[in-house]
């Protein structure tokens, strides 16, 4: 995890070989929030899961999580969970492209 203004690396998890990145989100976020406070978290679609939004907002107290939606062959259906619905309704593209 990187603080975009200072370019300070505030969290990292190492692994061996190719694997999915999403399980590493929780330990990295907990590590990063122990070092500094965040107002917004930006992440790509590989980390898109409702529990990652919930971790940021409810557990860690970060007011805003902007994680690109991974469509998962959903077609035109609206997401059923609250954080996905909010991002689907109004996705902050300009902010997201700052990552």
PDB file of N, CA and C in Angstrom:
ATOM      1  N   UNK A   1       0.847  -1.165   0.000  1.00  0.00           N
ATOM      2  CA  UNK A   1       0.000   0.000   0.000  1.00  0.00           C
ATOM      3  C   UNK A   1       0.888   1.221   0.000  1.00  0.00           C
ATOM      4  N   UNK A   2       0.458   2.227  -0.721  1.00  0.00           N
ATOM      5  CA  UNK A   2       1.256   3.425  -0.908  1.00  0.00           C
ATOM      6  C   UNK A   2       0.432   4.671  -0.585  1.00  0.00           C
ATOM      7  N   UNK A   3       1.022   5.590   0.158  1.00  0.00           N
ATOM      8  CA  UNK A   3       0.396   6.883   0.408  1.00  0.00           C
ATOM      9  C   UNK A   3       0.683   7.754  -0.815  1.00  0.00           C
ATOM     10  N   UNK A   4      -0.359   8.167  -1.539  1.00  0.00           N
ATOM     11  CA  UNK A   4      -0.155   8.794  -2.848  1.00  0.00           C
ATOM     12  C   UNK A   4       0.518  10.158  -2.786  1.00  0.00           C
ATOM     13  N   UNK A   5       0.313  10.924  -1.744  1.00  0.00           N
ATOM     14  CA  UNK A   5       0.912  12.259  -1.683  1.00  0.00           C
ATOM     15  C   UNK A   5       2.397  12.223  -1.350  1.00  0.00           C
ATOM     16  N   UNK A   6       2.780  11.359  -0.426  1.00  0.00           N
ATOM     17  CA  UNK A   6       4.185  11.310  -0.015  1.00  0.00           C
ATOM     18  C   UNK A   6       4.959  10.169  -0.671  1.00  0.00           C
ATOM     19  N   UNK A   7       4.251   9.244  -1.327  1.00  0.00           N
ATOM     20  CA  UNK A   7       4.843   8.048  -1.935  1.00  0.00           C
ATOM     21  C   UNK A   7       5.497   7.139  -0.889  1.00  0.00           C
ATOM     22  N   UNK A   8       5.020   7.222   0.334  1.00  0.00           N
ATOM     23  CA  UNK A   8       5.507   6.392   1.425  1.00  0.00           C
ATOM     24  C   UNK A   8       4.823   5.028   1.361  1.00  0.00           C
ATOM     25  N   UNK A   9       5.581   3.963   1.424  1.00  0.00           N
ATOM     26  CA  UNK A   9       5.013   2.617   1.465  1.00  0.00           C
ATOM     27  C   UNK A   9       4.607   2.340   2.908  1.00  0.00           C
ATOM     28  N   UNK A  10       3.300   2.166   3.129  1.00  0.00           N
ATOM     29  CA  UNK A  10       2.796   1.993   4.487  1.00  0.00           C
ATOM     30  C   UNK A  10       2.311   0.581   4.782  1.00  0.00           C
ATOM     31  N   UNK A  11       2.350  -0.294   3.796  1.00  0.00           N
ATOM     32  CA  UNK A  11       1.950  -1.670   4.027  1.00  0.00           C
ATOM     33  C   UNK A  11       2.393  -2.563   2.886  1.00  0.00           C
ATOM     34  N   UNK A  12       2.792  -3.784   3.222  1.00  0.00           N
ATOM     35  CA  UNK A  12       3.225  -4.736   2.205  1.00  0.00           C
ATOM     36  C   UNK A  12       3.049  -6.154   2.711  1.00  0.00           C
ATOM     37  N   UNK A  13       2.728  -7.048   1.790  1.00  0.00           N
ATOM     38  CA  UNK A  13       2.632  -8.474   2.079  1.00  0.00           C
ATOM     39  C   UNK A  13       3.384  -9.189   0.969  1.00  0.00           C
ATOM     40  N   UNK A  14       4.224 -10.133   1.324  1.00  0.00           N
ATOM     41  CA  UNK A  14       4.967 -10.883   0.311  1.00  0.00           C
ATOM     42  C   UNK A  14       4.323 -12.239   0.089  1.00  0.00           C
ATOM     43  N   UNK A  15       4.564 -12.800  -1.078  1.00  0.00           N
ATOM     44  CA  UNK A  15       4.024 -14.102  -1.407  1.00  0.00           C
ATOM     45  C   UNK A  15       4.908 -14.806  -2.415  1.00  0.00           C
ATOM     46  N   UNK A  16       4.607 -16.057  -2.671  1.00  0.00           N
ATOM     47  CA  UNK A  16       5.375 -16.853  -3.624  1.00  0.00           C
ATOM     48  C   UNK A  16       4.471 -17.207  -4.797  1.00  0.00           C
ATOM     49  N   UNK A  17       4.943 -16.924  -5.991  1.00  0.00           N
ATOM     50  CA  UNK A  17       4.243 -17.331  -7.201  1.00  0.00           C
ATOM     51  C   UNK A  17       2.972 -16.553  -7.463  1.00  0.00           C
ATOM     52  N   UNK A  18       2.340 -16.848  -8.586  1.00  0.00           N
ATOM     53  CA  UNK A  18       1.104 -16.155  -8.948  1.00  0.00           C
ATOM     54  C   UNK A  18      -0.048 -16.571  -8.029  1.00  0.00           C
ATOM     55  N   UNK A  19      -0.782 -15.594  -7.571  1.00  0.00           N
ATOM     56  CA  UNK A  19      -1.948 -15.868  -6.732  1.00  0.00           C
ATOM     57  C   UNK A  19      -2.883 -14.662  -6.776  1.00  0.00           C
ATOM     58  N   UNK A  20      -4.041 -14.827  -6.209  1.00  0.00           N
ATOM     59  CA  UNK A  20      -5.022 -13.750  -6.157  1.00  0.00           C
ATOM     60  C   UNK A  20      -4.596 -12.739  -5.091  1.00  0.00           C
ATOM     61  N   UNK A  21      -4.776 -11.448  -5.384  1.00  0.00           N
ATOM     62  CA  UNK A  21      -4.352 -10.393  -4.460  1.00  0.00           C
ATOM     63  C   UNK A  21      -5.370 -10.089  -3.367  1.00  0.00           C
ATOM     64  N   UNK A  22      -6.613 -10.391  -3.579  1.00  0.00           N
ATOM     65  CA  UNK A  22      -7.670  -9.970  -2.666  1.00  0.00           C
ATOM     66  C   UNK A  22      -7.474 -10.427  -1.215  1.00  0.00           C
ATOM     67  N   UNK A  23      -7.010 -11.650  -0.938  1.00  0.00           N
ATOM     68  CA  UNK A  23      -6.820 -12.041   0.468  1.00  0.00           C
ATOM     69  C   UNK A  23      -5.758 -11.210   1.189  1.00  0.00           C
ATOM     70  N   UNK A  24      -4.864 -10.570   0.458  1.00  0.00           N
ATOM     71  CA  UNK A  24      -3.816  -9.757   1.079  1.00  0.00           C
ATOM     72  C   UNK A  24      -4.301  -8.371   1.484  1.00  0.00           C
ATOM     73  N   UNK A  25      -5.497  -7.999   1.083  1.00  0.00           N
ATOM     74  CA  UNK A  25      -6.017  -6.661   1.353  1.00  0.00           C
ATOM     75  C   UNK A  25      -6.169  -6.401   2.858  1.00  0.00           C
ATOM     76  N   UNK A  26      -6.731  -7.349   3.586  1.00  0.00           N
ATOM     77  CA  UNK A  26      -6.974  -7.170   5.021  1.00  0.00           C
ATOM     78  C   UNK A  26      -5.685  -6.966   5.817  1.00  0.00           C
ATOM     79  N   UNK A  27      -4.666  -7.842   5.686  1.00  0.00           N
ATOM     80  CA  UNK A  27      -3.454  -7.598   6.474  1.00  0.00           C
ATOM     81  C   UNK A  27      -2.734  -6.309   6.083  1.00  0.00           C
ATOM     82  N   UNK A  28      -2.753  -5.959   4.802  1.00  0.00           N
ATOM     83  CA  UNK A  28      -2.094  -4.722   4.369  1.00  0.00           C
ATOM     84  C   UNK A  28      -2.821  -3.509   4.925  1.00  0.00           C
ATOM     85  N   UNK A  29      -4.148  -3.518   4.890  1.00  0.00           N
ATOM     86  CA  UNK A  29      -4.914  -2.380   5.404  1.00  0.00           C
ATOM     87  C   UNK A  29      -4.739  -2.241   6.915  1.00  0.00           C
ATOM     88  N   UNK A  30      -4.736  -3.340   7.628  1.00  0.00           N
ATOM     89  CA  UNK A  30      -4.535  -3.273   9.084  1.00  0.00           C
ATOM     90  C   UNK A  30      -3.131  -2.753   9.406  1.00  0.00           C
ATOM     91  N   UNK A  31      -2.142  -3.190   8.645  1.00  0.00           N
ATOM     92  CA  UNK A  31      -0.772  -2.720   8.827  1.00  0.00           C
ATOM     93  C   UNK A  31      -0.674  -1.225   8.528  1.00  0.00           C
ATOM     94  N   UNK A  32      -1.279  -0.787   7.437  1.00  0.00           N
ATOM     95  CA  UNK A  32      -1.206   0.617   7.028  1.00  0.00           C
ATOM     96  C   UNK A  32      -1.925   1.539   8.010  1.00  0.00           C
ATOM     97  N   UNK A  33      -3.088   1.129   8.500  1.00  0.00           N
ATOM     98  CA  UNK A  33      -3.828   1.987   9.424  1.00  0.00           C
ATOM     99  C   UNK A  33      -3.198   2.030  10.807  1.00  0.00           C
ATOM    100  N   UNK A  34      -2.307   1.098  11.106  1.00  0.00           N
ATOM    101  CA  UNK A  34      -1.582   1.187  12.373  1.00  0.00           C
ATOM    102  C   UNK A  34      -0.488   2.254  12.301  1.00  0.00           C
ATOM    103  N   UNK A  35      -0.105   2.638  11.091  1.00  0.00           N
ATOM    104  CA  UNK A  35       0.942   3.639  10.894  1.00  0.00           C
ATOM    105  C   UNK A  35       0.368   5.047  10.729  1.00  0.00           C
ATOM    106  N   UNK A  36      -0.718   5.171   9.958  1.00  0.00           N
ATOM    107  CA  UNK A  36      -1.305   6.486   9.709  1.00  0.00           C
ATOM    108  C   UNK A  36      -2.803   6.372   9.446  1.00  0.00           C
ATOM    109  N   UNK A  37      -3.495   7.496   9.475  1.00  0.00           N
ATOM    110  CA  UNK A  37      -4.932   7.524   9.203  1.00  0.00           C
ATOM    111  C   UNK A  37      -5.172   7.894   7.748  1.00  0.00           C
ATOM    112  N   UNK A  38      -6.253   7.378   7.204  1.00  0.00           N
ATOM    113  CA  UNK A  38      -6.599   7.602   5.804  1.00  0.00           C
ATOM    114  C   UNK A  38      -8.001   8.166   5.693  1.00  0.00           C
ATOM    115  N   UNK A  39      -8.201   9.028   4.706  1.00  0.00           N
ATOM    116  CA  UNK A  39      -9.525   9.555   4.413  1.00  0.00           C
ATOM    117  C   UNK A  39     -10.179   8.794   3.283  1.00  0.00           C
ATOM    118  N   UNK A  40      -9.356   8.246   2.379  1.00  0.00           N
ATOM    119  CA  UNK A  40      -9.855   7.519   1.214  1.00  0.00           C
ATOM    120  C   UNK A  40      -8.899   6.389   0.885  1.00  0.00           C
ATOM    121  N   UNK A  41      -9.457   5.260   0.468  1.00  0.00           N
ATOM    122  CA  UNK A  41      -8.667   4.132  -0.012  1.00  0.00           C
ATOM    123  C   UNK A  41      -9.031   3.896  -1.466  1.00  0.00           C
ATOM    124  N   UNK A  42      -8.034   3.826  -2.340  1.00  0.00           N
ATOM    125  CA  UNK A  42      -8.237   3.545  -3.755  1.00  0.00           C
ATOM    126  C   UNK A  42      -7.620   2.193  -4.073  1.00  0.00           C
ATOM    127  N   UNK A  43      -8.349   1.324  -4.756  1.00  0.00           N
ATOM    128  CA  UNK A  43      -7.825   0.006  -5.126  1.00  0.00           C
ATOM    129  C   UNK A  43      -8.423  -0.420  -6.456  1.00  0.00           C
ATOM    130  N   UNK A  44      -7.728  -1.308  -7.148  1.00  0.00           N
ATOM    131  CA  UNK A  44      -8.238  -1.757  -8.443  1.00  0.00           C
ATOM    132  C   UNK A  44      -9.256  -2.881  -8.268  1.00  0.00           C
ATOM    133  N   UNK A  45      -9.779  -3.373  -9.387  1.00  0.00           N
ATOM    134  CA  UNK A  45     -10.871  -4.344  -9.362  1.00  0.00           C
ATOM    135  C   UNK A  45     -10.466  -5.691  -8.762  1.00  0.00           C
ATOM    136  N   UNK A  46      -9.183  -5.969  -8.658  1.00  0.00           N
ATOM    137  CA  UNK A  46      -8.743  -7.219  -8.041  1.00  0.00           C
ATOM    138  C   UNK A  46      -9.098  -7.302  -6.559  1.00  0.00           C
ATOM    139  N   UNK A  47      -9.349  -6.174  -5.939  1.00  0.00           N
ATOM    140  CA  UNK A  47      -9.690  -6.127  -4.515  1.00  0.00           C
ATOM    141  C   UNK A  47     -11.178  -5.872  -4.291  1.00  0.00           C
ATOM    142  N   UNK A  48     -11.960  -5.932  -5.337  1.00  0.00           N
ATOM    143  CA  UNK A  48     -13.382  -5.634  -5.225  1.00  0.00           C
ATOM    144  C   UNK A  48     -14.122  -6.771  -4.543  1.00  0.00           C
ATOM    145  N   UNK A  49     -14.490  -6.534  -3.308  1.00  0.00           N
ATOM    146  CA  UNK A  49     -15.316  -7.461  -2.536  1.00  0.00           C
ATOM    147  C   UNK A  49     -16.023  -6.626  -1.483  1.00  0.00           C
ATOM    148  N   UNK A  50     -17.247  -6.961  -1.209  1.00  0.00           N
ATOM    149  CA  UNK A  50     -18.015  -6.192  -0.235  1.00  0.00           C
ATOM    150  C   UNK A  50     -17.328  -6.199   1.130  1.00  0.00           C
ATOM    151  N   UNK A  51     -16.718  -7.322   1.502  1.00  0.00           N
ATOM    152  CA  UNK A  51     -16.059  -7.373   2.816  1.00  0.00           C
ATOM    153  C   UNK A  51     -14.849  -6.449   2.871  1.00  0.00           C
ATOM    154  N   UNK A  52     -14.210  -6.137   1.741  1.00  0.00           N
ATOM    155  CA  UNK A  52     -13.110  -5.170   1.749  1.00  0.00           C
ATOM    156  C   UNK A  52     -13.630  -3.753   1.983  1.00  0.00           C
ATOM    157  N   UNK A  53     -14.770  -3.429   1.380  1.00  0.00           N
ATOM    158  CA  UNK A  53     -15.401  -2.124   1.639  1.00  0.00           C
ATOM    159  C   UNK A  53     -15.813  -2.026   3.109  1.00  0.00           C
ATOM    160  N   UNK A  54     -16.405  -3.105   3.611  1.00  0.00           N
ATOM    161  CA  UNK A  54     -16.866  -3.124   5.003  1.00  0.00           C
ATOM    162  C   UNK A  54     -15.683  -3.003   5.971  1.00  0.00           C
ATOM    163  N   UNK A  55     -14.586  -3.682   5.671  1.00  0.00           N
ATOM    164  CA  UNK A  55     -13.383  -3.583   6.496  1.00  0.00           C
ATOM    165  C   UNK A  55     -12.917  -2.137   6.580  1.00  0.00           C
ATOM    166  N   UNK A  56     -12.825  -1.476   5.441  1.00  0.00           N
ATOM    167  CA  UNK A  56     -12.345  -0.087   5.420  1.00  0.00           C
ATOM    168  C   UNK A  56     -13.276   0.839   6.181  1.00  0.00           C
ATOM    169  N   UNK A  57     -14.548   0.751   5.894  1.00  0.00           N
ATOM    170  CA  UNK A  57     -15.493   1.718   6.440  1.00  0.00           C
ATOM    171  C   UNK A  57     -15.882   1.436   7.885  1.00  0.00           C
ATOM    172  N   UNK A  58     -16.245   0.207   8.170  1.00  0.00           N
ATOM    173  CA  UNK A  58     -16.797  -0.101   9.488  1.00  0.00           C
ATOM    174  C   UNK A  58     -15.725  -0.488  10.510  1.00  0.00           C
ATOM    175  N   UNK A  59     -14.764  -1.299  10.108  1.00  0.00           N
ATOM    176  CA  UNK A  59     -13.763  -1.777  11.064  1.00  0.00           C
ATOM    177  C   UNK A  59     -12.618  -0.784  11.267  1.00  0.00           C
ATOM    178  N   UNK A  60     -12.128  -0.182  10.174  1.00  0.00           N
ATOM    179  CA  UNK A  60     -10.960   0.684  10.256  1.00  0.00           C
ATOM    180  C   UNK A  60     -11.302   2.168  10.306  1.00  0.00           C
ATOM    181  N   UNK A  61     -12.564   2.514  10.099  1.00  0.00           N
ATOM    182  CA  UNK A  61     -13.001   3.906  10.216  1.00  0.00           C
ATOM    183  C   UNK A  61     -12.569   4.812   9.078  1.00  0.00           C
ATOM    184  N   UNK A  62     -12.302   4.255   7.909  1.00  0.00           N
ATOM    185  CA  UNK A  62     -11.935   5.058   6.743  1.00  0.00           C
ATOM    186  C   UNK A  62     -13.233   5.504   6.071  1.00  0.00           C
ATOM    187  N   UNK A  63     -13.448   6.813   5.922  1.00  0.00           N
ATOM    188  CA  UNK A  63     -14.738   7.297   5.418  1.00  0.00           C
ATOM    189  C   UNK A  63     -15.081   6.908   3.988  1.00  0.00           C
ATOM    190  N   UNK A  64     -14.075   6.660   3.156  1.00  0.00           N
ATOM    191  CA  UNK A  64     -14.374   6.420   1.746  1.00  0.00           C
ATOM    192  C   UNK A  64     -13.471   5.320   1.193  1.00  0.00           C
ATOM    193  N   UNK A  65     -14.090   4.335   0.537  1.00  0.00           N
ATOM    194  CA  UNK A  65     -13.325   3.291  -0.151  1.00  0.00           C
ATOM    195  C   UNK A  65     -13.774   3.272  -1.608  1.00  0.00           C
ATOM    196  N   UNK A  66     -12.835   3.487  -2.508  1.00  0.00           N
ATOM    197  CA  UNK A  66     -13.124   3.488  -3.937  1.00  0.00           C
ATOM    198  C   UNK A  66     -12.363   2.320  -4.550  1.00  0.00           C
ATOM    199  N   UNK A  67     -13.092   1.250  -4.797  1.00  0.00           N
ATOM    200  CA  UNK A  67     -12.518   0.051  -5.394  1.00  0.00           C
ATOM    201  C   UNK A  67     -13.308  -0.212  -6.663  1.00  0.00           C
ATOM    202  N   UNK A  68     -12.611  -0.304  -7.783  1.00  0.00           N
ATOM    203  CA  UNK A  68     -13.292  -0.498  -9.068  1.00  0.00           C
ATOM    204  C   UNK A  68     -14.147  -1.755  -9.043  1.00  0.00           C
ATOM    205  N   UNK A  69     -15.315  -1.676  -9.634  1.00  0.00           N
ATOM    206  CA  UNK A  69     -16.226  -2.811  -9.654  1.00  0.00           C
ATOM    207  C   UNK A  69     -15.755  -3.850 -10.659  1.00  0.00           C
ATOM    208  N   UNK A  70     -15.697  -5.089 -10.220  1.00  0.00           N
ATOM    209  CA  UNK A  70     -15.411  -6.215 -11.083  1.00  0.00           C
ATOM    210  C   UNK A  70     -16.768  -6.803 -11.450  1.00  0.00           C
ATOM    211  N   UNK A  71     -17.140  -6.723 -12.690  1.00  0.00           N
ATOM    212  CA  UNK A  71     -18.515  -7.046 -13.108  1.00  0.00           C
ATOM    213  C   UNK A  71     -18.935  -8.484 -12.854  1.00  0.00           C
ATOM    214  N   UNK A  72     -18.024  -9.439 -12.856  1.00  0.00           N
ATOM    215  CA  UNK A  72     -18.330 -10.840 -12.546  1.00  0.00           C
ATOM    216  C   UNK A  72     -19.506 -11.398 -13.324  1.00  0.00           C
ATOM    217  N   UNK A  73     -19.606 -11.075 -14.586  1.00  0.00           N
ATOM    218  CA  UNK A  73     -20.682 -11.597 -15.447  1.00  0.00           C
ATOM    219  C   UNK A  73     -22.067 -11.323 -14.876  1.00  0.00           C
ATOM    220  N   UNK A  74     -22.250 -10.168 -14.264  1.00  0.00           N
ATOM    221  CA  UNK A  74     -23.549  -9.855 -13.671  1.00  0.00           C
ATOM    222  C   UNK A  74     -24.504  -9.233 -14.679  1.00  0.00           C
ATOM    223  N   UNK A  75     -23.991  -8.848 -15.830  1.00  0.00           N
ATOM    224  CA  UNK A  75     -24.867  -8.233 -16.816  1.00  0.00           C
ATOM    225  C   UNK A  75     -25.328  -6.873 -16.355  1.00  0.00           C
ATOM    226  N   UNK A  76     -26.640  -6.636 -16.392  1.00  0.00           N
ATOM    227  CA  UNK A  76     -27.181  -5.337 -16.023  1.00  0.00           C
ATOM    228  C   UNK A  76     -27.796  -5.318 -14.626  1.00  0.00           C
ATOM    229  N   UNK A  77     -27.681  -6.409 -13.893  1.00  0.00           N
ATOM    230  CA  UNK A  77     -28.273  -6.454 -12.552  1.00  0.00           C
ATOM    231  C   UNK A  77     -27.583  -5.470 -11.620  1.00  0.00           C
ATOM    232  N   UNK A  78     -28.367  -4.902 -10.721  1.00  0.00           N
ATOM    233  CA  UNK A  78     -27.808  -4.009  -9.700  1.00  0.00           C
ATOM    234  C   UNK A  78     -27.257  -4.846  -8.569  1.00  0.00           C
ATOM    235  N   UNK A  79     -26.123  -4.453  -8.009  1.00  0.00           N
ATOM    236  CA  UNK A  79     -25.567  -5.179  -6.863  1.00  0.00           C
ATOM    237  C   UNK A  79     -26.530  -5.145  -5.677  1.00  0.00           C
ATOM    238  N   UNK A  80     -26.514  -6.192  -4.885  1.00  0.00           N
ATOM    239  CA  UNK A  80     -27.432  -6.293  -3.744  1.00  0.00           C
ATOM    240  C   UNK A  80     -26.851  -5.716  -2.461  1.00  0.00           C
ATOM    241  N   UNK A  81     -25.549  -5.568  -2.387  1.00  0.00           N
ATOM    242  CA  UNK A  81     -24.916  -5.093  -1.158  1.00  0.00           C
ATOM    243  C   UNK A  81     -24.734  -3.571  -1.197  1.00  0.00           C
ATOM    244  N   UNK A  82     -24.758  -2.907  -0.036  1.00  0.00           N
ATOM    245  CA  UNK A  82     -24.829  -1.435  -0.006  1.00  0.00           C
ATOM    246  C   UNK A  82     -23.629  -0.703  -0.592  1.00  0.00           C
ATOM    247  N   UNK A  83     -22.409  -1.155  -0.321  1.00  0.00           N
ATOM    248  CA  UNK A  83     -21.243  -0.430  -0.823  1.00  0.00           C
ATOM    249  C   UNK A  83     -21.070  -0.609  -2.326  1.00  0.00           C
ATOM    250  N   UNK A  84     -21.364  -1.797  -2.831  1.00  0.00           N
ATOM    251  CA  UNK A  84     -21.320  -2.006  -4.282  1.00  0.00           C
ATOM    252  C   UNK A  84     -22.387  -1.171  -4.971  1.00  0.00           C
ATOM    253  N   UNK A  85     -23.582  -1.123  -4.374  1.00  0.00           N
ATOM    254  CA  UNK A  85     -24.663  -0.321  -4.978  1.00  0.00           C
ATOM    255  C   UNK A  85     -24.264   1.152  -5.051  1.00  0.00           C
ATOM    256  N   UNK A  86     -23.654   1.670  -4.000  1.00  0.00           N
ATOM    257  CA  UNK A  86     -23.257   3.080  -3.975  1.00  0.00           C
ATOM    258  C   UNK A  86     -22.215   3.373  -5.053  1.00  0.00           C
ATOM    259  N   UNK A  87     -21.243   2.480  -5.222  1.00  0.00           N
ATOM    260  CA  UNK A  87     -20.231   2.702  -6.252  1.00  0.00           C
ATOM    261  C   UNK A  87     -20.797   2.527  -7.656  1.00  0.00           C
ATOM    262  N   UNK A  88     -21.744   1.621  -7.810  1.00  0.00           N
ATOM    263  CA  UNK A  88     -22.365   1.432  -9.132  1.00  0.00           C
ATOM    264  C   UNK A  88     -23.202   2.654  -9.491  1.00  0.00           C
ATOM    265  N   UNK A  89     -23.861   3.226  -8.478  1.00  0.00           N
ATOM    266  CA  UNK A  89     -24.705   4.402  -8.706  1.00  0.00           C
ATOM    267  C   UNK A  89     -23.863   5.617  -9.088  1.00  0.00           C
ATOM    268  N   UNK A  90     -22.785   5.854  -8.370  1.00  0.00           N
ATOM    269  CA  UNK A  90     -21.945   7.027  -8.625  1.00  0.00           C
ATOM    270  C   UNK A  90     -20.485   6.671  -8.356  1.00  0.00           C
ATOM    271  N   UNK A  91     -19.770   6.298  -9.408  1.00  0.00           N
ATOM    272  CA  UNK A  91     -18.357   5.939  -9.276  1.00  0.00           C
ATOM    273  C   UNK A  91     -17.489   7.162  -9.536  1.00  0.00           C
ATOM    274  N   UNK A  92     -16.623   7.550  -8.586  1.00  0.00           N
ATOM    275  CA  UNK A  92     -15.790   8.750  -8.745  1.00  0.00           C
ATOM    276  C   UNK A  92     -14.573   8.489  -9.643  1.00  0.00           C
ATOM    277  N   UNK A  93     -14.775   8.564 -10.950  1.00  0.00           N
ATOM    278  CA  UNK A  93     -13.711   8.237 -11.909  1.00  0.00           C
ATOM    279  C   UNK A  93     -12.471   9.111 -11.767  1.00  0.00           C
ATOM    280  N   UNK A  94     -12.646  10.409 -11.595  1.00  0.00           N
ATOM    281  CA  UNK A  94     -11.496  11.304 -11.479  1.00  0.00           C
ATOM    282  C   UNK A  94     -10.649  10.964 -10.255  1.00  0.00           C
ATOM    283  N   UNK A  95     -11.302  10.694  -9.141  1.00  0.00           N
ATOM    284  CA  UNK A  95     -10.590  10.314  -7.921  1.00  0.00           C
ATOM    285  C   UNK A  95      -9.911   8.970  -8.103  1.00  0.00           C
ATOM    286  N   UNK A  96     -10.613   8.017  -8.714  1.00  0.00           N
ATOM    287  CA  UNK A  96     -10.067   6.665  -8.896  1.00  0.00           C
ATOM    288  C   UNK A  96      -8.786   6.690  -9.727  1.00  0.00           C
ATOM    289  N   UNK A  97      -8.710   7.537 -10.701  1.00  0.00           N
ATOM    290  CA  UNK A  97      -7.543   7.588 -11.578  1.00  0.00           C
ATOM    291  C   UNK A  97      -6.339   8.250 -10.920  1.00  0.00           C
ATOM    292  N   UNK A  98      -6.455   8.655  -9.661  1.00  0.00           N
ATOM    293  CA  UNK A  98      -5.327   9.208  -8.926  1.00  0.00           C
ATOM    294  C   UNK A  98      -4.461   8.099  -8.317  1.00  0.00           C
ATOM    295  N   UNK A  99      -4.918   6.873  -8.365  1.00  0.00           N
ATOM    296  CA  UNK A  99      -4.167   5.783  -7.701  1.00  0.00           C
ATOM    297  C   UNK A  99      -2.903   5.442  -8.417  1.00  0.00           C
TER     298      UNK A  99
END
